Amino acid sequence: MKIAVIGAGKWGQALYSALKINNDCIISSRTKRDIEGFVELDKALECDYLLFSISTQKTHEFLRSNFKAKNQKILVASKGIDTVSGEFLHEIYSKFAPSENLAFLSGPSFASEVIQGLPCALVISSKNDELAQIWASTFPSFIKPYISYDVIGAEICGAYKNVIAIAGGVCAGLGLGQNARASLISRGLVEMARFGEHFGAKDETFLGLSGAGDLFLTASSELSRNYRVGLGLASGFSLDEILAQIGEVAEGVATAYAITKIAQQKAIYTPIASQVVDMLGGKDAKEALKDLLKRR
């Protein structure tokens, strides 16, 4: 298959390295990169199979400016919720392509380990089973793909786990111990599921690779950019200082604001996400911890 990866960040490059094993694969982005197989964006967008790995907050503008629907089969590898509109990724992409042409990638996966060819399992979610199966067939043997029809559940898991990962980094940075980390992650999973329930997500999605699997990974490892944001907050650094040091997009920052905005509008209880937003805004991490422990 001829596949174009759109977005040449670390995750985009990792997926490109995996997909080119069994497919004719190229990669592109708006900024030219010195990568083997890199082509101009216009050429990449001519492919029938497109994998998008671009920042959620830039997705709508990117598609509006660059994408023209030609019955392309799309796999979205980004995670997050648009802060301005409050839209999920499937809502954004559905404005530019038919829903039956869309699939979404989720599950526990650090780019650095995918590039090394280390084994992992991922989930391809789509309303179109045939499309999900086609995309599943493109992955190499070290990646085990599973199929799901719960698009909204997978999207919420992929977005929300980054917010809990920030809290996980704070927990580690404050030296609160393993008991506290286990408590935080398990309550974070409950909070994610509560949020997802409002949108009709399925419970089993939160207990699977997209939910618990990805949450356990990102909320407990320094390989996670969002976890490192939490470490910085615990050390008293400002958000600008932390992001400058990381030098990459940490989707959990914008997603935390999007989630709390939606939660306020729809009266969904999201205590961890709310405290994360407060810490991103300058609240002392120890004070945030006290407020979490005091809640009924």
C-alpha atoms as a PDB file:
ATOM      1  CA  MET A   1       0.000   0.000   0.000  1.00  0.00           C
ATOM      2  CA  LYS A   2       1.070   3.582  -0.646  1.00  0.00           C
ATOM      3  CA  ILE A   3       0.746   5.421   2.671  1.00  0.00           C
ATOM      4  CA  ALA A   4       1.634   9.013   3.505  1.00  0.00           C
ATOM      5  CA  VAL A   5       2.330   9.998   7.106  1.00  0.00           C
ATOM      6  CA  ILE A   6       1.378  13.640   7.624  1.00  0.00           C
ATOM      7  CA  GLY A   7       3.262  15.102  10.578  1.00  0.00           C
ATOM      8  CA  ALA A   8       6.962  14.501  11.128  1.00  0.00           C
ATOM      9  CA  GLY A   9       7.232  14.842  14.894  1.00  0.00           C
ATOM     10  CA  LYS A  10       8.526  11.955  16.992  1.00  0.00           C
ATOM     11  CA  TRP A  11       5.272   9.986  16.847  1.00  0.00           C
ATOM     12  CA  GLY A  12       4.855  10.567  13.134  1.00  0.00           C
ATOM     13  CA  GLN A  13       8.426   9.440  12.495  1.00  0.00           C
ATOM     14  CA  ALA A  14       7.939   6.364  14.689  1.00  0.00           C
ATOM     15  CA  LEU A  15       4.821   5.315  12.787  1.00  0.00           C
ATOM     16  CA  TYR A  16       6.560   5.984   9.478  1.00  0.00           C
ATOM     17  CA  SER A  17       9.463   3.727  10.521  1.00  0.00           C
ATOM     18  CA  ALA A  18       6.987   0.956  11.383  1.00  0.00           C
ATOM     19  CA  LEU A  19       4.689   1.270   8.367  1.00  0.00           C
ATOM     20  CA  LYS A  20       7.470   1.408   5.774  1.00  0.00           C
ATOM     21  CA  ILE A  21       8.468  -2.164   6.724  1.00  0.00           C
ATOM     22  CA  ASN A  22       5.514  -3.640   4.794  1.00  0.00           C
ATOM     23  CA  ASN A  23       4.318  -0.697   2.713  1.00  0.00           C
ATOM     24  CA  ASP A  24       5.410   1.955   0.243  1.00  0.00           C
ATOM     25  CA  CYS A  25       5.513   4.789   2.753  1.00  0.00           C
ATOM     26  CA  ILE A  26       6.411   8.477   2.585  1.00  0.00           C
ATOM     27  CA  ILE A  27       6.317  11.217   5.219  1.00  0.00           C
ATOM     28  CA  SER A  28       5.685  14.949   5.116  1.00  0.00           C
ATOM     29  CA  SER A  29       4.914  18.025   7.196  1.00  0.00           C
ATOM     30  CA  ARG A  30       4.538  21.757   6.705  1.00  0.00           C
ATOM     31  CA  THR A  31       8.141  22.182   7.873  1.00  0.00           C
ATOM     32  CA  LYS A  32      10.769  20.414   5.759  1.00  0.00           C
ATOM     33  CA  ARG A  33      12.642  17.680   7.648  1.00  0.00           C
ATOM     34  CA  ASP A  34      15.872  15.862   6.833  1.00  0.00           C
ATOM     35  CA  ILE A  35      14.272  12.412   6.841  1.00  0.00           C
ATOM     36  CA  GLU A  36      14.656   9.645   4.299  1.00  0.00           C
ATOM     37  CA  GLY A  37      11.370   9.380   2.419  1.00  0.00           C
ATOM     38  CA  PHE A  38      10.358  12.984   3.128  1.00  0.00           C
ATOM     39  CA  VAL A  39       8.335  14.613   0.339  1.00  0.00           C
ATOM     40  CA  GLU A  40       6.522  17.882  -0.225  1.00  0.00           C
ATOM     41  CA  LEU A  41       3.142  18.128   1.483  1.00  0.00           C
ATOM     42  CA  ASP A  42       1.163  18.402  -1.759  1.00  0.00           C
ATOM     43  CA  LYS A  43       2.645  15.143  -3.039  1.00  0.00           C
ATOM     44  CA  ALA A  44       1.940  13.331   0.229  1.00  0.00           C
ATOM     45  CA  LEU A  45      -1.689  14.434   0.275  1.00  0.00           C
ATOM     46  CA  GLU A  46      -2.220  12.823  -3.139  1.00  0.00           C
ATOM     47  CA  CYS A  47      -1.964   9.341  -1.574  1.00  0.00           C
ATOM     48  CA  ASP A  48      -5.120   7.292  -1.080  1.00  0.00           C
ATOM     49  CA  TYR A  49      -4.085   6.271   2.438  1.00  0.00           C
ATOM     50  CA  LEU A  50      -3.178   9.042   4.879  1.00  0.00           C
ATOM     51  CA  LEU A  51      -2.027   8.785   8.483  1.00  0.00           C
ATOM     52  CA  PHE A  52      -2.297  12.095  10.328  1.00  0.00           C
ATOM     53  CA  SER A  53       0.008  12.753  13.286  1.00  0.00           C
ATOM     54  CA  ILE A  54      -0.311  16.493  13.833  1.00  0.00           C
ATOM     55  CA  SER A  55      -1.052  18.560  16.915  1.00  0.00           C
ATOM     56  CA  THR A  56      -4.720  18.463  17.863  1.00  0.00           C
ATOM     57  CA  GLN A  57      -4.792  22.205  18.431  1.00  0.00           C
ATOM     58  CA  LYS A  58      -3.570  22.830  14.870  1.00  0.00           C
ATOM     59  CA  THR A  59      -5.675  20.164  13.166  1.00  0.00           C
ATOM     60  CA  HIS A  60      -8.673  22.235  12.080  1.00  0.00           C
ATOM     61  CA  GLU A  61      -6.569  24.988  10.546  1.00  0.00           C
ATOM     62  CA  PHE A  62      -4.255  22.473   8.860  1.00  0.00           C
ATOM     63  CA  LEU A  63      -7.135  20.616   7.220  1.00  0.00           C
ATOM     64  CA  ARG A  64      -8.886  23.823   6.201  1.00  0.00           C
ATOM     65  CA  SER A  65      -5.743  25.162   4.554  1.00  0.00           C
ATOM     66  CA  ASN A  66      -4.300  22.011   3.005  1.00  0.00           C
ATOM     67  CA  PHE A  67      -6.742  19.111   2.688  1.00  0.00           C
ATOM     68  CA  LYS A  68      -9.138  18.334  -0.148  1.00  0.00           C
ATOM     69  CA  ALA A  69     -11.353  15.261   0.113  1.00  0.00           C
ATOM     70  CA  LYS A  70     -10.751  12.692  -2.651  1.00  0.00           C
ATOM     71  CA  ASN A  71     -12.093   9.583  -0.913  1.00  0.00           C
ATOM     72  CA  GLN A  72      -8.834   9.131   1.021  1.00  0.00           C
ATOM     73  CA  LYS A  73      -8.749   6.500   3.766  1.00  0.00           C
ATOM     74  CA  ILE A  74      -7.545   8.223   6.926  1.00  0.00           C
ATOM     75  CA  LEU A  75      -5.986   6.980  10.158  1.00  0.00           C
ATOM     76  CA  VAL A  76      -5.731   9.647  12.876  1.00  0.00           C
ATOM     77  CA  ALA A  77      -2.837   9.095  15.289  1.00  0.00           C
ATOM     78  CA  SER A  78      -3.229  12.350  17.249  1.00  0.00           C
ATOM     79  CA  LYS A  79      -4.779  12.608  20.709  1.00  0.00           C
ATOM     80  CA  GLY A  80      -6.542  15.475  22.388  1.00  0.00           C
ATOM     81  CA  ILE A  81      -9.549  17.816  22.363  1.00  0.00           C
ATOM     82  CA  ASP A  82      -9.637  21.184  20.610  1.00  0.00           C
ATOM     83  CA  THR A  83      -9.426  23.842  23.310  1.00  0.00           C
ATOM     84  CA  VAL A  84     -11.188  26.607  21.391  1.00  0.00           C
ATOM     85  CA  SER A  85     -14.167  24.651  20.031  1.00  0.00           C
ATOM     86  CA  GLY A  86     -14.281  21.769  22.532  1.00  0.00           C
ATOM     87  CA  GLU A  87     -14.513  19.373  19.578  1.00  0.00           C
ATOM     88  CA  PHE A  88     -13.190  15.838  19.564  1.00  0.00           C
ATOM     89  CA  LEU A  89     -10.939  14.807  16.700  1.00  0.00           C
ATOM     90  CA  HIS A  90     -13.620  12.734  14.979  1.00  0.00           C
ATOM     91  CA  GLU A  91     -15.848  15.812  14.910  1.00  0.00           C
ATOM     92  CA  ILE A  92     -13.091  17.901  13.325  1.00  0.00           C
ATOM     93  CA  TYR A  93     -12.124  15.330  10.695  1.00  0.00           C
ATOM     94  CA  SER A  94     -15.771  14.619   9.862  1.00  0.00           C
ATOM     95  CA  LYS A  95     -16.055  18.175   8.548  1.00  0.00           C
ATOM     96  CA  PHE A  96     -13.496  17.367   5.864  1.00  0.00           C
ATOM     97  CA  ALA A  97     -13.967  13.643   5.111  1.00  0.00           C
ATOM     98  CA  PRO A  98     -16.813  11.086   5.349  1.00  0.00           C
ATOM     99  CA  SER A  99     -17.020   9.297   8.703  1.00  0.00           C
ATOM    100  CA  GLU A 100     -16.769   5.906   6.968  1.00  0.00           C
ATOM    101  CA  ASN A 101     -13.293   6.938   5.722  1.00  0.00           C
ATOM    102  CA  LEU A 102     -11.983   7.667   9.231  1.00  0.00           C
ATOM    103  CA  ALA A 103     -10.162   5.461  11.739  1.00  0.00           C
ATOM    104  CA  PHE A 104      -8.379   6.403  14.963  1.00  0.00           C
ATOM    105  CA  LEU A 105      -5.229   4.955  16.550  1.00  0.00           C
ATOM    106  CA  SER A 106      -4.836   4.602  20.326  1.00  0.00           C
ATOM    107  CA  GLY A 107      -3.132   2.476  22.966  1.00  0.00           C
ATOM    108  CA  PRO A 108       0.092   2.429  25.013  1.00  0.00           C
ATOM    109  CA  SER A 109       2.972   3.391  22.753  1.00  0.00           C
ATOM    110  CA  PHE A 110       6.066   5.516  23.261  1.00  0.00           C
ATOM    111  CA  ALA A 111       7.589   6.666  19.983  1.00  0.00           C
ATOM    112  CA  SER A 112      11.125   5.775  21.059  1.00  0.00           C
ATOM    113  CA  GLU A 113      10.193   2.119  21.630  1.00  0.00           C
ATOM    114  CA  VAL A 114       8.241   1.831  18.374  1.00  0.00           C
ATOM    115  CA  ILE A 115      11.290   3.119  16.491  1.00  0.00           C
ATOM    116  CA  GLN A 116      13.364   0.383  18.182  1.00  0.00           C
ATOM    117  CA  GLY A 117      10.874  -2.239  17.014  1.00  0.00           C
ATOM    118  CA  LEU A 118       9.899  -3.249  20.540  1.00  0.00           C
ATOM    119  CA  PRO A 119       6.569  -5.121  20.786  1.00  0.00           C
ATOM    120  CA  CYS A 120       3.362  -3.285  21.585  1.00  0.00           C
ATOM    121  CA  ALA A 121      -0.383  -3.555  21.066  1.00  0.00           C
ATOM    122  CA  LEU A 122      -2.541  -0.769  19.644  1.00  0.00           C
ATOM    123  CA  VAL A 123      -6.231  -0.179  18.942  1.00  0.00           C
ATOM    124  CA  ILE A 124      -7.735   0.961  15.659  1.00  0.00           C
ATOM    125  CA  SER A 125     -11.202   2.413  16.240  1.00  0.00           C
ATOM    126  CA  SER A 126     -13.632   3.057  13.409  1.00  0.00           C
ATOM    127  CA  LYS A 127     -17.297   2.831  12.524  1.00  0.00           C
ATOM    128  CA  ASN A 128     -16.122   1.117   9.341  1.00  0.00           C
ATOM    129  CA  ASP A 129     -14.923  -2.406  10.153  1.00  0.00           C
ATOM    130  CA  GLU A 130     -13.459  -2.978   6.688  1.00  0.00           C
ATOM    131  CA  LEU A 131     -11.373   0.201   6.948  1.00  0.00           C
ATOM    132  CA  ALA A 132     -10.132  -0.744  10.426  1.00  0.00           C
ATOM    133  CA  GLN A 133      -9.094  -4.166   9.121  1.00  0.00           C
ATOM    134  CA  ILE A 134      -7.230  -2.609   6.190  1.00  0.00           C
ATOM    135  CA  TRP A 135      -5.264  -0.312   8.470  1.00  0.00           C
ATOM    136  CA  ALA A 136      -4.573  -3.196  10.859  1.00  0.00           C
ATOM    137  CA  SER A 137      -3.004  -5.132   7.978  1.00  0.00           C
ATOM    138  CA  THR A 138      -0.451  -2.365   7.365  1.00  0.00           C
ATOM    139  CA  PHE A 139       1.363  -2.731  10.676  1.00  0.00           C
ATOM    140  CA  PRO A 140       4.508  -4.862  11.112  1.00  0.00           C
ATOM    141  CA  SER A 141       4.628  -8.060  13.168  1.00  0.00           C
ATOM    142  CA  PHE A 142       5.936  -6.400  16.351  1.00  0.00           C
ATOM    143  CA  ILE A 143       2.742  -4.310  16.614  1.00  0.00           C
ATOM    144  CA  LYS A 144      -0.445  -6.201  17.509  1.00  0.00           C
ATOM    145  CA  PRO A 145      -3.512  -4.263  16.307  1.00  0.00           C
ATOM    146  CA  TYR A 146      -6.949  -4.702  17.868  1.00  0.00           C
ATOM    147  CA  ILE A 147     -10.207  -3.418  16.363  1.00  0.00           C
ATOM    148  CA  SER A 148     -12.802  -1.326  18.199  1.00  0.00           C
ATOM    149  CA  TYR A 149     -16.003   0.444  17.187  1.00  0.00           C
ATOM    150  CA  ASP A 150     -16.004   2.802  20.193  1.00  0.00           C
ATOM    151  CA  VAL A 151     -14.496   5.844  18.504  1.00  0.00           C
ATOM    152  CA  ILE A 152     -15.541   8.377  21.156  1.00  0.00           C
ATOM    153  CA  GLY A 153     -14.331   6.138  23.985  1.00  0.00           C
ATOM    154  CA  ALA A 154     -10.902   5.700  22.416  1.00  0.00           C
ATOM    155  CA  GLU A 155     -10.663   9.439  21.771  1.00  0.00           C
ATOM    156  CA  ILE A 156     -11.548  10.361  25.343  1.00  0.00           C
ATOM    157  CA  CYS A 157      -9.059   7.839  26.706  1.00  0.00           C
ATOM    158  CA  GLY A 158      -6.288   9.132  24.469  1.00  0.00           C
ATOM    159  CA  ALA A 159      -6.966  12.721  25.452  1.00  0.00           C
ATOM    160  CA  TYR A 160      -7.731  12.356  29.146  1.00  0.00           C
ATOM    161  CA  LYS A 161      -4.802  10.061  30.001  1.00  0.00           C
ATOM    162  CA  ASN A 162      -2.403  12.917  29.137  1.00  0.00           C
ATOM    163  CA  VAL A 163      -4.035  15.079  31.794  1.00  0.00           C
ATOM    164  CA  ILE A 164      -3.744  12.342  34.411  1.00  0.00           C
ATOM    165  CA  ALA A 165      -0.114  11.872  33.298  1.00  0.00           C
ATOM    166  CA  ILE A 166       0.588  15.481  34.314  1.00  0.00           C
ATOM    167  CA  ALA A 167      -0.847  14.699  37.746  1.00  0.00           C
ATOM    168  CA  GLY A 168       1.276  11.540  37.819  1.00  0.00           C
ATOM    169  CA  GLY A 169       4.395  13.598  37.244  1.00  0.00           C
ATOM    170  CA  VAL A 170       3.406  15.943  40.069  1.00  0.00           C
ATOM    171  CA  CYS A 171       2.906  12.938  42.339  1.00  0.00           C
ATOM    172  CA  ALA A 172       6.393  11.646  41.544  1.00  0.00           C
ATOM    173  CA  GLY A 173       7.981  15.091  41.757  1.00  0.00           C
ATOM    174  CA  LEU A 174       6.598  15.638  45.239  1.00  0.00           C
ATOM    175  CA  GLY A 175       7.937  12.235  46.341  1.00  0.00           C
ATOM    176  CA  LEU A 176       4.532  10.988  47.472  1.00  0.00           C
ATOM    177  CA  GLY A 177       5.373   7.296  47.009  1.00  0.00           C
ATOM    178  CA  GLN A 178       3.975   4.280  45.215  1.00  0.00           C
ATOM    179  CA  ASN A 179       0.740   4.113  47.223  1.00  0.00           C
ATOM    180  CA  ALA A 180      -0.164   7.635  46.167  1.00  0.00           C
ATOM    181  CA  ARG A 181       0.702   6.953  42.538  1.00  0.00           C
ATOM    182  CA  ALA A 182      -1.482   3.837  42.433  1.00  0.00           C
ATOM    183  CA  SER A 183      -4.335   5.756  44.053  1.00  0.00           C
ATOM    184  CA  LEU A 184      -3.979   8.634  41.613  1.00  0.00           C
ATOM    185  CA  ILE A 185      -3.910   6.447  38.511  1.00  0.00           C
ATOM    186  CA  SER A 186      -6.872   4.323  39.607  1.00  0.00           C
ATOM    187  CA  ARG A 187      -8.960   7.367  40.511  1.00  0.00           C
ATOM    188  CA  GLY A 188      -7.846   8.964  37.262  1.00  0.00           C
ATOM    189  CA  LEU A 189      -9.252   5.969  35.412  1.00  0.00           C
ATOM    190  CA  VAL A 190     -12.566   6.387  37.255  1.00  0.00           C
ATOM    191  CA  GLU A 191     -12.618  10.073  36.325  1.00  0.00           C
ATOM    192  CA  MET A 192     -11.904   9.296  32.669  1.00  0.00           C
ATOM    193  CA  ALA A 193     -14.701   6.734  32.566  1.00  0.00           C
ATOM    194  CA  ARG A 194     -17.141   9.131  34.245  1.00  0.00           C
ATOM    195  CA  PHE A 195     -16.370  11.750  31.608  1.00  0.00           C
ATOM    196  CA  GLY A 196     -16.701   9.173  28.825  1.00  0.00           C
ATOM    197  CA  GLU A 197     -20.018   7.867  30.137  1.00  0.00           C
ATOM    198  CA  HIS A 198     -21.568  11.249  29.473  1.00  0.00           C
ATOM    199  CA  PHE A 199     -20.730  10.873  25.765  1.00  0.00           C
ATOM    200  CA  GLY A 200     -21.850   7.260  25.449  1.00  0.00           C
ATOM    201  CA  ALA A 201     -18.407   5.632  25.583  1.00  0.00           C
ATOM    202  CA  LYS A 202     -18.272   1.945  26.472  1.00  0.00           C
ATOM    203  CA  ASP A 203     -16.923   0.830  29.865  1.00  0.00           C
ATOM    204  CA  GLU A 204     -14.721  -1.872  28.335  1.00  0.00           C
ATOM    205  CA  THR A 205     -12.802   0.764  26.370  1.00  0.00           C
ATOM    206  CA  PHE A 206     -11.557   2.332  29.595  1.00  0.00           C
ATOM    207  CA  LEU A 207     -10.432  -1.050  30.916  1.00  0.00           C
ATOM    208  CA  GLY A 208      -8.557  -1.918  27.716  1.00  0.00           C
ATOM    209  CA  LEU A 209      -5.468  -0.786  25.842  1.00  0.00           C
ATOM    210  CA  SER A 210      -6.856   2.644  24.941  1.00  0.00           C
ATOM    211  CA  GLY A 211      -7.781   3.408  28.553  1.00  0.00           C
ATOM    212  CA  ALA A 212      -5.991   1.621  31.378  1.00  0.00           C
ATOM    213  CA  GLY A 213      -3.133   0.505  29.136  1.00  0.00           C
ATOM    214  CA  ASP A 214      -2.222   3.949  27.864  1.00  0.00           C
ATOM    215  CA  LEU A 215      -2.914   5.568  31.229  1.00  0.00           C
ATOM    216  CA  PHE A 216      -0.608   3.209  33.143  1.00  0.00           C
ATOM    217  CA  LEU A 217       2.156   3.905  30.628  1.00  0.00           C
ATOM    218  CA  THR A 218       2.022   7.677  30.379  1.00  0.00           C
ATOM    219  CA  ALA A 219       1.229   8.418  34.028  1.00  0.00           C
ATOM    220  CA  SER A 220       4.308   6.628  35.342  1.00  0.00           C
ATOM    221  CA  SER A 221       7.226   7.240  32.984  1.00  0.00           C
ATOM    222  CA  GLU A 222       9.581  10.104  32.204  1.00  0.00           C
ATOM    223  CA  LEU A 223       9.368   9.111  28.544  1.00  0.00           C
ATOM    224  CA  SER A 224       5.979  10.846  28.643  1.00  0.00           C
ATOM    225  CA  ARG A 225       6.140  14.573  27.868  1.00  0.00           C
ATOM    226  CA  ASN A 226       3.016  15.185  29.946  1.00  0.00           C
ATOM    227  CA  TYR A 227       4.528  13.332  32.912  1.00  0.00           C
ATOM    228  CA  ARG A 228       7.570  15.614  32.617  1.00  0.00           C
ATOM    229  CA  VAL A 229       5.266  18.632  32.707  1.00  0.00           C
ATOM    230  CA  GLY A 230       4.038  17.366  36.078  1.00  0.00           C
ATOM    231  CA  LEU A 231       7.592  16.883  37.344  1.00  0.00           C
ATOM    232  CA  GLY A 232       8.318  20.486  36.439  1.00  0.00           C
ATOM    233  CA  LEU A 233       5.202  21.769  38.186  1.00  0.00           C
ATOM    234  CA  ALA A 234       6.162  19.871  41.336  1.00  0.00           C
ATOM    235  CA  SER A 235       9.580  21.535  41.229  1.00  0.00           C
ATOM    236  CA  GLY A 236       8.030  25.003  41.096  1.00  0.00           C
ATOM    237  CA  PHE A 237       8.803  25.864  37.474  1.00  0.00           C
ATOM    238  CA  SER A 238       6.358  27.919  35.444  1.00  0.00           C
ATOM    239  CA  LEU A 239       4.536  26.331  32.537  1.00  0.00           C
ATOM    240  CA  ASP A 240       6.476  28.418  30.021  1.00  0.00           C
ATOM    241  CA  GLU A 241       9.785  27.271  31.535  1.00  0.00           C
ATOM    242  CA  ILE A 242       8.688  23.635  31.484  1.00  0.00           C
ATOM    243  CA  LEU A 243       7.509  23.671  27.863  1.00  0.00           C
ATOM    244  CA  ALA A 244      10.672  25.455  26.748  1.00  0.00           C
ATOM    245  CA  GLN A 245      12.749  22.770  28.437  1.00  0.00           C
ATOM    246  CA  ILE A 246      10.738  19.909  26.903  1.00  0.00           C
ATOM    247  CA  GLY A 247      10.833  21.521  23.470  1.00  0.00           C
ATOM    248  CA  GLU A 248       7.862  19.490  22.201  1.00  0.00           C
ATOM    249  CA  VAL A 249       4.074  19.659  22.305  1.00  0.00           C
ATOM    250  CA  ALA A 250       2.570  18.244  25.501  1.00  0.00           C
ATOM    251  CA  GLU A 251      -1.052  17.716  24.449  1.00  0.00           C
ATOM    252  CA  GLY A 252      -2.221  17.243  28.033  1.00  0.00           C
ATOM    253  CA  VAL A 253      -1.797  20.964  28.741  1.00  0.00           C
ATOM    254  CA  ALA A 254      -4.369  22.191  26.219  1.00  0.00           C
ATOM    255  CA  THR A 255      -6.548  19.119  26.777  1.00  0.00           C
ATOM    256  CA  ALA A 256      -6.799  19.818  30.507  1.00  0.00           C
ATOM    257  CA  TYR A 257      -8.366  23.194  29.754  1.00  0.00           C
ATOM    258  CA  ALA A 258     -10.700  21.675  27.149  1.00  0.00           C
ATOM    259  CA  ILE A 259     -11.868  18.947  29.534  1.00  0.00           C
ATOM    260  CA  THR A 260     -12.595  21.292  32.433  1.00  0.00           C
ATOM    261  CA  LYS A 261     -14.451  23.661  30.116  1.00  0.00           C
ATOM    262  CA  ILE A 262     -16.640  20.819  28.842  1.00  0.00           C
ATOM    263  CA  ALA A 263     -17.069  19.467  32.380  1.00  0.00           C
ATOM    264  CA  GLN A 264     -18.316  22.823  33.634  1.00  0.00           C
ATOM    265  CA  GLN A 265     -20.786  23.123  30.765  1.00  0.00           C
ATOM    266  CA  LYS A 266     -22.148  19.610  31.256  1.00  0.00           C
ATOM    267  CA  ALA A 267     -21.813  19.334  35.057  1.00  0.00           C
ATOM    268  CA  ILE A 268     -19.335  16.411  35.004  1.00  0.00           C
ATOM    269  CA  TYR A 269     -17.246  15.905  38.134  1.00  0.00           C
ATOM    270  CA  THR A 270     -13.525  16.069  37.181  1.00  0.00           C
ATOM    271  CA  PRO A 271     -11.505  16.838  40.353  1.00  0.00           C
ATOM    272  CA  ILE A 272      -8.078  15.714  39.105  1.00  0.00           C
ATOM    273  CA  ALA A 273      -8.338  17.545  35.784  1.00  0.00           C
ATOM    274  CA  SER A 274      -9.525  20.650  37.631  1.00  0.00           C
ATOM    275  CA  GLN A 275      -6.512  20.632  39.942  1.00  0.00           C
ATOM    276  CA  VAL A 276      -4.198  20.094  36.967  1.00  0.00           C
ATOM    277  CA  VAL A 277      -5.622  23.214  35.318  1.00  0.00           C
ATOM    278  CA  ASP A 278      -5.120  25.165  38.533  1.00  0.00           C
ATOM    279  CA  MET A 279      -1.474  24.025  38.745  1.00  0.00           C
ATOM    280  CA  LEU A 280      -0.897  24.929  35.098  1.00  0.00           C
ATOM    281  CA  GLY A 281      -2.190  28.371  36.021  1.00  0.00           C
ATOM    282  CA  GLY A 282       0.310  28.739  38.863  1.00  0.00           C
ATOM    283  CA  LYS A 283      -1.281  27.038  41.876  1.00  0.00           C
ATOM    284  CA  ASP A 284       1.256  25.423  44.208  1.00  0.00           C
ATOM    285  CA  ALA A 285       1.377  21.659  43.697  1.00  0.00           C
ATOM    286  CA  LYS A 286       1.263  20.936  47.427  1.00  0.00           C
ATOM    287  CA  GLU A 287      -1.859  23.064  47.793  1.00  0.00           C
ATOM    288  CA  ALA A 288      -3.470  21.179  44.923  1.00  0.00           C
ATOM    289  CA  LEU A 289      -2.674  17.913  46.710  1.00  0.00           C
ATOM    290  CA  LYS A 290      -4.265  19.157  49.917  1.00  0.00           C
ATOM    291  CA  ASP A 291      -7.410  20.177  48.070  1.00  0.00           C
ATOM    292  CA  LEU A 292      -7.666  16.764  46.414  1.00  0.00           C
ATOM    293  CA  LEU A 293      -7.320  15.007  49.755  1.00  0.00           C
ATOM    294  CA  LYS A 294      -9.924  17.253  51.400  1.00  0.00           C
ATOM    295  CA  ARG A 295     -12.660  16.650  48.827  1.00  0.00           C
ATOM    296  CA  ARG A 296     -15.601  14.510  49.940  1.00  0.00           C
END
